[in-house]
Protein backbone atom coordinates (compact mmCIF):
# COMPACT_ATOMS: atom_id res chain seq x y z
CA UNK A 1 66.93 71.28 -43.55
CA UNK A 2 63.99 71.30 -41.18
CA UNK A 3 65.09 67.96 -39.74
CA UNK A 4 68.57 69.34 -39.04
CA UNK A 5 67.11 72.40 -37.31
CA UNK A 6 64.85 70.19 -35.21
CA UNK A 7 67.80 68.03 -34.16
CA UNK A 8 69.85 71.11 -33.28
CA UNK A 9 66.94 72.49 -31.23
CA UNK A 10 66.59 69.19 -29.35
CA UNK A 11 70.31 69.08 -28.64
CA UNK A 12 70.27 72.66 -27.37
CA UNK A 13 67.24 71.92 -25.18
CA UNK A 14 68.93 68.84 -23.78
CA UNK A 15 72.12 70.76 -23.04
CA UNK A 16 70.12 73.52 -21.35
CA UNK A 17 68.26 71.07 -19.13
CA UNK A 18 71.48 69.23 -18.29
CA UNK A 19 73.23 72.51 -17.42
CA UNK A 20 70.37 73.64 -15.16
CA UNK A 21 70.31 70.26 -13.41
CA UNK A 22 74.08 70.35 -12.91
CA UNK A 23 73.97 73.88 -11.49
CA UNK A 24 71.19 72.95 -9.09
CA UNK A 25 73.08 69.85 -8.03
CA UNK A 26 76.23 71.83 -7.36
CA UNK A 27 74.29 74.41 -5.35
CA UNK A 28 72.54 71.71 -3.32
CA UNK A 29 75.86 70.00 -2.63
CA UNK A 30 77.41 73.30 -1.63
CA UNK A 31 74.53 74.05 0.76
CA UNK A 32 74.88 70.58 2.25
CA UNK A 33 78.62 71.07 2.78
CA UNK A 34 78.13 74.50 4.31
CA UNK A 35 75.43 73.15 6.62
CA UNK A 36 77.70 70.29 7.67
CA UNK A 37 80.57 72.70 8.34
CA UNK A 38 78.31 74.91 10.47
CA UNK A 39 77.07 71.95 12.47
CA UNK A 40 80.59 70.64 13.04
CA UNK A 41 81.81 74.09 14.05
CA UNK A 42 78.91 74.51 16.43
CA UNK A 43 79.55 71.09 17.99
CA UNK A 44 83.20 71.97 18.60
CA UNK A 45 82.28 75.36 20.09
CA UNK A 46 79.63 73.82 22.36
CA UNK A 47 82.04 71.18 23.61
CA UNK A 48 84.69 73.85 24.30
CA UNK A 49 82.20 76.02 26.17
CA UNK A 50 81.03 73.10 28.31
CA UNK A 51 84.60 72.39 29.29
CA UNK A 52 85.46 76.04 30.04
CA UNK A 53 82.17 76.70 31.85
CA UNK A 54 83.31 74.45 34.68
CA UNK A 55 86.31 76.68 35.34
CA UNK A 56 86.20 79.21 38.17
CA UNK A 57 86.73 82.92 37.66
CA UNK A 58 85.61 85.37 34.98
CA UNK A 59 86.56 83.08 32.08
CA UNK A 60 84.31 80.32 33.39
CA UNK A 61 81.53 82.81 34.04
CA UNK A 62 81.76 84.16 30.49
CA UNK A 63 81.74 80.61 29.10
CA UNK A 64 78.61 79.80 31.11
CA UNK A 65 76.88 82.92 29.81
CA UNK A 66 77.69 81.98 26.21
CA UNK A 67 76.64 78.37 26.75
CA UNK A 68 73.26 79.28 28.28
CA UNK A 69 72.58 81.87 25.60
CA UNK A 70 73.37 79.53 22.72
CA UNK A 71 71.30 76.70 24.21
CA UNK A 72 68.29 78.97 24.70
CA UNK A 73 68.39 80.27 21.12
CA UNK A 74 68.93 76.80 19.67
CA UNK A 75 66.03 75.29 21.66
CA UNK A 76 63.67 78.12 20.74
CA UNK A 77 64.54 77.86 17.05
CA UNK A 78 63.93 74.10 17.10
CA UNK A 79 60.54 74.48 18.81
CA UNK A 80 59.33 77.23 16.47
CA UNK A 81 60.49 75.33 13.40
CA UNK A 82 58.61 72.22 14.55
CA UNK A 83 55.29 73.86 15.42
CA UNK A 84 55.14 76.58 12.75
CA UNK A 85 54.60 73.98 9.99
CA UNK A 86 51.02 73.46 11.21
CA UNK A 87 50.46 76.96 12.60
CA UNK A 88 51.18 79.85 10.21
CA UNK A 89 50.47 82.33 13.01
CA UNK A 90 53.93 81.57 14.43
CA UNK A 91 55.67 83.10 11.43
CA UNK A 92 55.95 86.44 13.22
CA UNK A 93 57.52 84.70 16.21
CA UNK A 94 60.18 83.19 13.95
CA UNK A 95 60.89 86.62 12.48
CA UNK A 96 61.32 88.08 15.96
CA UNK A 97 63.61 85.21 16.88
CA UNK A 98 65.86 85.97 13.92
CA UNK A 99 66.15 89.58 15.06
CA UNK A 100 66.92 88.34 18.57
CA UNK A 101 69.54 86.01 17.12
CA UNK A 102 71.42 88.97 15.67
CA UNK A 103 71.68 90.54 19.12
CA UNK A 104 72.74 87.19 20.55
CA UNK A 105 75.52 86.88 18.00
CA UNK A 106 76.76 90.35 18.95
CA UNK A 107 76.88 89.50 22.65
CA UNK A 108 78.40 86.07 22.01
CA UNK A 109 81.10 87.64 19.85
CA UNK A 110 81.98 90.18 22.52
CA UNK A 111 82.16 87.49 25.20
CA UNK A 112 84.31 85.28 22.96
CA UNK A 113 86.65 88.17 22.24
CA UNK A 114 87.12 88.87 25.94
CA UNK A 115 87.65 85.20 26.70
CA UNK A 116 90.16 84.49 23.94
CA UNK A 117 91.88 87.78 23.21
CA UNK A 118 91.86 89.75 26.45
CA UNK A 119 94.86 88.94 28.66
CA UNK A 120 93.81 91.41 31.36
CA UNK A 121 91.52 89.44 33.64
CA UNK A 122 90.60 92.58 35.53
CA UNK A 123 89.19 94.15 32.37
CA UNK A 124 87.31 90.93 31.62
CA UNK A 125 85.82 90.94 35.10
CA UNK A 126 84.82 94.61 34.72
CA UNK A 127 83.10 94.10 31.36
CA UNK A 128 81.43 90.82 32.29
CA UNK A 129 78.44 92.09 34.37
CA UNK A 130 77.11 94.30 31.57
CA UNK A 131 77.51 91.54 28.98
CA UNK A 132 75.81 89.04 31.28
CA UNK A 133 72.83 91.39 31.70
CA UNK A 134 72.47 91.71 27.93
CA UNK A 135 72.80 87.95 27.49
CA UNK A 136 70.18 87.36 30.19
CA UNK A 137 67.74 89.75 28.51
CA UNK A 138 68.15 87.95 25.19
CA UNK A 139 67.83 84.55 26.85
CA UNK A 140 64.69 85.63 28.71
CA UNK A 141 63.09 86.82 25.47
CA UNK A 142 63.97 83.60 23.66
CA UNK A 143 62.61 81.53 26.54
CA UNK A 144 59.39 83.56 26.46
CA UNK A 145 58.89 82.84 22.75
CA UNK A 146 59.59 79.14 23.24
CA UNK A 147 57.26 78.78 26.21
CA UNK A 148 54.47 80.71 24.46
CA UNK A 149 54.75 78.46 21.39
CA UNK A 150 54.62 75.35 23.56
CA UNK A 151 51.58 76.65 25.47
CA UNK A 152 49.84 77.49 22.19
CA UNK A 153 50.35 73.96 20.88
CA UNK A 154 49.08 72.40 24.10
CA UNK A 155 46.03 74.68 24.20
CA UNK A 156 45.21 74.01 20.54
CA UNK A 157 45.54 70.27 21.04
CA UNK A 158 43.30 70.42 24.13
CA UNK A 159 40.60 72.30 22.19
CA UNK A 160 40.71 69.76 19.36
CA UNK A 161 40.52 66.91 21.86
CA UNK A 162 37.50 68.49 23.59
CA UNK A 163 35.70 68.95 20.27
CA UNK A 164 36.47 65.37 19.25
CA UNK A 165 35.25 64.06 22.59
CA UNK A 166 31.93 65.92 22.23
CA UNK A 167 31.45 64.49 18.73
CA UNK A 168 32.17 60.98 19.99
CA UNK A 169 29.68 61.38 22.86
CA UNK A 170 26.98 62.54 20.43
CA UNK A 171 27.69 59.66 18.06
CA UNK A 172 27.77 57.14 20.91
CA UNK A 173 24.39 58.36 22.13
CA UNK A 174 22.96 58.08 18.62
CA UNK A 175 24.26 54.53 18.25
CA UNK A 176 22.67 53.49 21.57
CA UNK A 177 19.23 54.94 20.63
CA UNK A 178 17.29 52.17 18.97
CA UNK A 179 13.45 51.75 18.77
CA UNK A 180 11.51 48.75 17.44
CA UNK A 181 9.70 49.47 14.15
CA UNK A 182 6.21 48.97 15.68
CA UNK A 183 6.92 51.61 18.32
CA UNK A 184 8.17 54.07 15.74
CA UNK A 185 4.96 53.81 13.68
CA UNK A 186 2.73 54.14 16.75
CA UNK A 187 0.65 51.09 15.87
CA UNK A 188 1.13 47.37 15.78
CA UNK A 189 1.83 45.63 12.53
CA UNK A 190 -1.12 43.71 10.97
CA UNK A 191 -1.21 39.99 11.67
CA UNK A 192 0.47 37.80 9.17
CA UNK A 193 -2.06 36.10 6.83
CA UNK A 194 -2.41 32.33 7.18
CA UNK A 195 -0.16 30.35 5.02
CA UNK A 196 -1.80 28.27 2.32
CA UNK A 197 -1.03 24.64 2.16
CA UNK A 198 0.90 23.96 -0.94
CA UNK A 199 0.03 20.31 -1.01
CA UNK A 200 -3.39 19.11 0.05
CA UNK A 201 -3.96 15.54 1.11
CA UNK A 202 -6.03 13.45 -1.26
CA UNK A 203 -9.51 12.52 0.11
CA UNK A 204 -9.87 9.01 1.48
CA UNK A 205 -11.85 6.50 -0.51
CA UNK A 206 -14.38 5.01 1.94
CA UNK A 207 -15.41 2.36 -0.55
CA UNK A 208 -12.06 0.84 -0.52
């Protein structure tokens, strides 16, 4: 009976582990698909904005505002993600960027709505200056975060390089400082005792 219970327990444990692994695999695959969809959607939107930004008039101006805003946010996010791995102090900057991203999404959505769903070009032209000012404020803040993070990395690397250079100079000076043993002791070494002859010559026999 105990053997049967042990087998049942092992089977249940195996099924539990298999179920957890399957659920995690499905979730990971779903996240990968969602990430791929977002990247593809973003690529299509960026290509469309680049094409429409070259157009004259309020539509082209709105497309340029969206394009510049999205590029600034994307570049800042990439920089902060790269440098925050080795600098935990940039965690607050990433949090502020996420809050800024929410405002950017709001402005981008309003600009997209005017571009795609507003047939009255006069109304688009009237609303555009205020939206451009908001987009410029968000872009300026994102640029400030990105530039500050870059300056922090460069300054930190320069400090580390200066410290390393000082250590190398000290070590180089120590390696070049050599003194003969007799000068270190302050007196000359005693003379070496005469070597004994291991083999003496046999005396000559004068009688012979």
